[in-house]
Each structure stands twice: as C-alpha cells, then as structure tokens.
Amino acid sequence: MSMFIYLIAEFFKTGLFAVGGGLATLPFLYEIANKYNWLDINLMSDMIAVSESTPGPIGVNMATYAGFNAGSSQGSFWIGIAGGLTATLSLVLPSFIVCIIVYKFLERFKESTLVDNGFKGLRPAVCGLIASAALTVFKSACLNTQIFAKTGEILKLFDIKAIILFVFFFILTRKTKFHPIFYIIPAAVIGIIFKM
C-alpha cells in the first residue's frame, strides 16, 4: 500500500510542476529514477526513445512504465497494472485540476499583467528544465562515461557513431519539418545496421 502512496506523491508532484509538456517531466523522472527502483537511470534514454515513438505523451508513457514496474516488483502482474494506472492518473490529475481552475478564471484574468508576467517567467524556466534533461540524455546516449572512468582515455569518452548520428539528425530536424516518426524509424534502422 505504501508503494501506491509514493507513486501518487511523486507523479502528482511531477504532473503539477512539469509545466511545458512531456519533455519538462524528464528532470522529475530522473529524480524519481535516482530515488526509487521504478526506473533504471541507465535505460532512461531507451525509454525516452520508445516513449517518443509510441502514441501518447512521454510523461504519461514513462509514468505508466514506472508504475507498472513498481507494482510488478511487488510480485504480481495485477499489482503492476494497478501501479501503472495509479502513476498515470497521478501524473495527469494536476493538469486536469489546473485546466478546470484556469477555465473558471481565464476570462477574469485574461488581461492581467501579473498573469502575463508569470507566464513570461515560466517559459525560460521550462526551457532550462528541458535543456538540462536533454544534456542528461546526450550524456547517456553519446558519451561512454563508465569506460572513460576506467581507462582515463579521452578518445574512449566519445561514442563516435552516436555523435555522428546525433549531428546528422540535429541538422536534419532543423532543416526539415517531418513528423517525428520519420526520424525515429530511420534512426532505429541505422542503430540496428551499425550495431550501436
């Protein structure tokens, strides 16, 4: 039962403060991965890739996975299902509540300078959260920090194939505006072919 309380508390907090969409949940998810065994910090990049390539927002997909993992670690598939549902509902509930409140008061505060300034302050903060998460993902996807820590050789720090793929897709996404699936599928195929 205490696992469900922790799931509710952690994912409700994530849903409440991850302003700016699914990628804004990543710093909170990394924090959860460091505190609990629901998420594996080393698999976060893979999970992000899977979440981005499946239907639904990344935060919801990750919450469902973490909740299922937490529940199934209690020894039952059905507790895993309940954990996944609990984490997912806890993540989306704050948005639901906030949307209802905002809807009720939007007309009243639509022209408020205070509200406008609040949103102007939130935007760069959300960008900082997303950039921090992106750097963490880059580090796990493109750098071999564990090998570097053992050998101390600077050239072994960089995963050259992954960095080339990163640069290629970074430039490609800046120049083209396709649906993300048109980047994800070729990236997966390249990873399989070149054994990344």
Protein backbone atom coordinates (compact mmCIF):
# COMPACT_ATOMS: atom_id res chain seq x y z
CA MET A 1 0.00 0.00 0.00
CA SER A 2 2.84 2.42 0.78
CA MET A 3 4.15 1.94 -2.78
CA PHE A 4 0.89 3.40 -4.11
CA ILE A 5 1.20 6.41 -1.79
CA TYR A 6 4.75 7.05 -3.05
CA LEU A 7 3.59 6.65 -6.67
CA ILE A 8 0.75 9.13 -6.11
CA ALA A 9 3.00 11.65 -4.33
CA GLU A 10 5.87 11.52 -6.85
CA PHE A 11 3.79 11.57 -10.02
CA PHE A 12 1.27 14.11 -8.74
CA LYS A 13 4.22 16.40 -7.95
CA THR A 14 5.67 15.74 -11.40
CA GLY A 15 2.35 16.49 -13.10
CA LEU A 16 1.88 19.65 -11.04
CA PHE A 17 5.29 21.20 -11.62
CA ALA A 18 6.31 19.91 -15.06
CA VAL A 19 4.97 22.95 -16.87
CA GLY A 20 5.63 22.92 -20.60
CA GLY A 21 4.74 19.45 -21.77
CA GLY A 22 6.17 15.96 -21.74
CA LEU A 23 9.84 16.87 -22.03
CA ALA A 24 9.52 19.05 -18.94
CA THR A 25 8.79 15.88 -16.95
CA LEU A 26 12.27 14.50 -17.66
CA PRO A 27 14.12 16.22 -14.77
CA PHE A 28 11.46 14.90 -12.38
CA LEU A 29 11.71 11.41 -13.89
CA TYR A 30 15.49 11.42 -13.45
CA GLU A 31 14.97 12.42 -9.82
CA ILE A 32 12.48 9.56 -9.38
CA ALA A 33 14.96 7.15 -11.01
CA ASN A 34 17.61 8.23 -8.50
CA LYS A 35 15.28 7.76 -5.51
CA TYR A 36 13.42 4.55 -6.39
CA ASN A 37 14.00 1.39 -8.40
CA TRP A 38 10.92 2.02 -10.55
CA LEU A 39 13.02 3.46 -13.37
CA ASP A 40 16.55 2.46 -14.34
CA ILE A 41 18.67 5.56 -14.89
CA ASN A 42 20.77 3.70 -17.49
CA LEU A 43 17.68 2.79 -19.53
CA MET A 44 16.15 6.27 -19.47
CA SER A 45 17.46 7.16 -22.96
CA ASP A 46 16.00 3.97 -24.41
CA MET A 47 12.73 4.59 -22.62
CA ILE A 48 12.61 8.16 -23.91
CA ALA A 49 13.14 6.88 -27.46
CA VAL A 50 10.38 4.30 -27.04
CA SER A 51 8.06 6.85 -25.43
CA GLU A 52 8.66 9.32 -28.25
CA SER A 53 7.95 6.66 -30.87
CA THR A 54 4.73 5.37 -29.30
CA PRO A 55 1.37 7.12 -29.10
CA GLY A 56 0.85 9.40 -26.13
CA PRO A 57 2.90 11.97 -24.28
CA ILE A 58 6.33 10.99 -22.99
CA GLY A 59 5.48 11.73 -19.35
CA VAL A 60 2.39 9.55 -19.44
CA ASN A 61 4.25 6.68 -21.10
CA MET A 62 7.09 6.88 -18.58
CA ALA A 63 4.69 7.16 -15.63
CA THR A 64 2.80 4.09 -16.83
CA TYR A 65 6.03 2.13 -17.20
CA ALA A 66 7.39 3.24 -13.80
CA GLY A 67 4.10 2.47 -12.06
CA PHE A 68 3.85 -0.95 -13.69
CA ASN A 69 7.48 -1.67 -12.80
CA ALA A 70 6.94 -0.60 -9.19
CA GLY A 71 3.79 -2.70 -8.88
CA SER A 72 5.10 -5.80 -10.61
CA SER A 73 8.19 -5.73 -8.39
CA GLN A 74 5.73 -6.46 -5.56
CA GLY A 75 5.27 -9.88 -7.14
CA SER A 76 2.08 -9.61 -9.19
CA PHE A 77 1.19 -8.63 -12.73
CA TRP A 78 -2.12 -7.18 -11.48
CA ILE A 79 -0.40 -5.02 -8.88
CA GLY A 80 1.78 -3.83 -11.79
CA ILE A 81 -1.34 -2.89 -13.76
CA ALA A 82 -2.72 -1.03 -10.71
CA GLY A 83 0.65 0.70 -10.23
CA GLY A 84 0.73 1.80 -13.88
CA LEU A 85 -2.79 3.20 -13.66
CA THR A 86 -2.04 4.91 -10.33
CA ALA A 87 1.12 6.62 -11.62
CA THR A 88 -0.54 7.67 -14.88
CA LEU A 89 -3.64 9.10 -13.21
CA SER A 90 -1.50 10.85 -10.61
CA LEU A 91 0.54 12.48 -13.39
CA VAL A 92 -2.45 13.79 -15.36
CA LEU A 93 -4.67 14.75 -12.42
CA PRO A 94 -2.89 18.06 -11.66
CA SER A 95 -3.28 19.19 -15.29
CA PHE A 96 -6.95 18.30 -15.18
CA ILE A 97 -7.47 20.28 -11.96
CA VAL A 98 -5.42 23.26 -13.19
CA CYS A 99 -7.31 23.33 -16.52
CA ILE A 100 -10.63 23.47 -14.69
CA ILE A 101 -9.40 26.28 -12.43
CA VAL A 102 -7.87 28.20 -15.34
CA TYR A 103 -11.04 27.82 -17.36
CA LYS A 104 -13.09 29.24 -14.47
CA PHE A 105 -10.86 32.27 -14.05
CA LEU A 106 -9.46 32.83 -17.54
CA GLU A 107 -11.93 35.46 -18.60
CA ARG A 108 -11.44 37.33 -15.36
CA PHE A 109 -7.63 37.46 -15.53
CA LYS A 110 -7.13 37.39 -19.31
CA GLU A 111 -5.80 40.95 -19.41
CA SER A 112 -3.83 40.73 -16.15
CA THR A 113 -0.23 41.95 -16.40
CA LEU A 114 0.63 39.85 -13.34
CA VAL A 115 -0.53 36.62 -15.02
CA ASP A 116 1.21 37.57 -18.28
CA ASN A 117 4.47 38.27 -16.44
CA GLY A 118 4.14 34.97 -14.56
CA PHE A 119 3.98 33.08 -17.86
CA LYS A 120 6.93 35.10 -19.21
CA GLY A 121 8.93 33.90 -16.21
CA LEU A 122 7.78 30.29 -16.61
CA ARG A 123 8.87 29.97 -20.25
CA PRO A 124 12.65 30.35 -19.71
CA ALA A 125 12.49 28.18 -16.58
CA VAL A 126 10.81 25.40 -18.57
CA CYS A 127 13.42 25.79 -21.32
CA GLY A 128 16.12 25.36 -18.67
CA LEU A 129 14.48 22.19 -17.35
CA ILE A 130 14.18 20.73 -20.84
CA ALA A 131 17.79 21.69 -21.71
CA SER A 132 19.02 20.03 -18.52
CA ALA A 133 17.16 16.84 -19.39
CA ALA A 134 18.49 16.99 -22.96
CA LEU A 135 22.07 17.22 -21.68
CA THR A 136 21.48 14.22 -19.44
CA VAL A 137 20.10 12.22 -22.37
CA PHE A 138 23.01 13.35 -24.59
CA LYS A 139 25.49 12.23 -21.96
CA SER A 140 23.99 8.75 -21.71
CA ALA A 141 23.48 8.40 -25.49
CA CYS A 142 26.73 9.86 -26.87
CA LEU A 143 29.34 9.57 -24.12
CA ASN A 144 30.97 6.46 -22.64
CA THR A 145 31.48 7.86 -19.15
CA GLN A 146 31.92 4.46 -17.49
CA ILE A 147 34.62 3.36 -19.95
CA PHE A 148 36.32 6.75 -19.60
CA ALA A 149 36.23 6.46 -15.80
CA LYS A 150 38.02 3.09 -16.01
CA THR A 151 40.59 3.89 -18.69
CA GLY A 152 41.02 7.66 -18.46
CA GLU A 153 41.49 7.78 -22.24
CA ILE A 154 39.76 10.87 -23.66
CA LEU A 155 39.07 9.24 -27.04
CA LYS A 156 37.12 6.43 -25.36
CA LEU A 157 34.82 9.02 -23.79
CA PHE A 158 33.09 9.75 -27.09
CA ASP A 159 30.78 7.31 -28.88
CA ILE A 160 31.68 8.49 -32.38
CA LYS A 161 28.85 6.63 -34.18
CA ALA A 162 26.26 8.07 -31.79
CA ILE A 163 27.67 11.61 -32.10
CA ILE A 164 27.63 11.43 -35.91
CA LEU A 165 24.01 10.20 -35.79
CA PHE A 166 23.14 12.96 -33.31
CA VAL A 167 24.66 15.69 -35.51
CA PHE A 168 23.01 14.28 -38.64
CA PHE A 169 19.53 14.18 -37.10
CA PHE A 170 20.00 17.53 -35.37
CA ILE A 171 20.77 19.20 -38.69
CA LEU A 172 18.05 17.24 -40.49
CA THR A 173 15.36 18.24 -37.98
CA ARG A 174 16.43 21.89 -38.18
CA LYS A 175 16.15 21.85 -41.98
CA THR A 176 13.00 19.71 -42.40
CA LYS A 177 9.64 19.58 -40.65
CA PHE A 178 8.54 15.96 -40.89
CA HIS A 179 6.58 14.05 -38.29
CA PRO A 180 8.95 12.65 -35.59
CA ILE A 181 8.25 9.07 -36.66
CA PHE A 182 10.10 9.82 -39.94
CA TYR A 183 13.24 10.45 -37.87
CA ILE A 184 12.74 7.72 -35.27
CA ILE A 185 12.28 4.77 -37.65
CA PRO A 186 15.41 5.52 -39.75
CA ALA A 187 17.41 6.12 -36.55
CA ALA A 188 16.36 2.70 -35.22
CA VAL A 189 17.26 1.04 -38.53
CA ILE A 190 20.67 2.76 -38.54
CA GLY A 191 21.22 1.62 -34.94
CA ILE A 192 20.45 -1.98 -35.94
CA ILE A 193 22.62 -1.91 -39.08
CA PHE A 194 25.64 -0.30 -37.42
CA LYS A 195 25.19 -2.19 -34.12
CA MET A 196 25.05 0.90 -31.99
